[in-house]
Amino acid sequence: MTGADEPEILFERRGHAGLITLNRPKALNALTVSMTTAMYRALSEWERDDTITRVVVRGRGGRAFCAGGDIRQIHDLARRGLDDEVRRFWLAEYHLNAYVQRYTKPYIALIEGIVMGGGVGLSLHGSHRVSSERYTLAMPEVGIGFFPDVGMTHSLPRLAGRAGVYLALTGARIGAGDARALGLATHHAAAENFDAITDELAGGGAIERAFDRHATAFPEVGPITAHGATIEACFSADSVAGILARLDADGSPFATETAALMRTRSPHSLCIAHEQMRRGIGMDFAEAMQAEYRLAMRAMHWHDFHEGVRAVLVDKDNRPDWRPAALADVDPAGIAEAFTDLPDGDAPRFDGSATFDGSERMPS
């Protein structure tokens, strides 16, 4: 039972494991700033504790591991002009992502149901990602006038066959088979076995043995793998317009559906995401997170972000009024400027050199 006064995130020491449970099932375990700061604090404590040899992260409720950051919360803060609170949100989430990526102990995400946006950041950067039968992964941000963040500037352009560019520019959902083929999932098990896996991991034995005892075969690969040649050929174009032209020329049902999906997305966000993929291949993880922080702070003033959240999450009419509405009207200079230093010089570092204790005092 989840009561109104129950914590949003639960922590438990069980044997040799530190257990983290995201506990907002009605909100699909969407992340709030208090959840991310508490999780950072627990991870830091457990990293220094020799009795804890691994961390296990789960989401409660069965429908979602984590559907992302609480984007309505951040949207409301931005609309009210609460810039310090907005900054606190992005700093907390991005420092947590960076910490997971450099964590020195095994970090195991048991993923049941939806894993999107910030949930991908909580899971993908750890050492072990265990999918289950209802696993569904996506980075759908271009559909709300935002951009694929939480480290995707680094991770997506490194996926084989331009699959990461496809995921960034479409927001398409993939299942466990495709996730395994791309290296996004490392193991697969029935969700009903997650409790047994957790207990065995808490016992302190070899991590791979726990998976060997309870894991099942991955499902067959899905559309992203089946259409890998088309994805690589089309999404290797050097612009969003070029990608759409290649999809149109291909003319297959998959290419046609993909082009139609992209044309529902924010043209501005498509161009930002494409530039992320181009630049990200040359960035280390900390540099990618810094670039995303700059983009996130700027996005709070983008028309398309507020309009996308309104259309998809608030009014739910799914009829966003993108500005500009046409890809040809997106200003290339504005896209390039979005990746430059912020006017106020705000440039936090995400390489672990800044002190971050999970409190409200965020590092710069």
Foldseek 3Di string as FASTA:
>chain_A
DDDPPDDQKDWDQFAQEIEIERRDVVQLSADDLLVLLVVVQVLVVLLPDPRHQEYEQAYPDQAWRYAEHPLVVLLVCLVVVVLLRNLSGLLSLLLSLLCQLPRPHAYEYETGHEQEQSSLSNHQSGDAYEYADRYKYAHQVLLQQAFRASQLLQVLLPFPLSLSLLRGLQRDIFHQQQCVVRVSHDFYFHPVCPVVLVNVVSNVDDNVVSRVVTTDDTDHGDDCVVCSVLNNVLNVDLFPVSSLVSLVVVPDPVSVVSSVSSLLGALQRSRLHSVSSVPNNVDDRQLRSQQSSLRSSVSSPAPSNSQSCCCCPNVVVSDGDHVVSDNVPHDPVVSVVSRDADPVRDGDTNNPPWDRNSDSDGTD
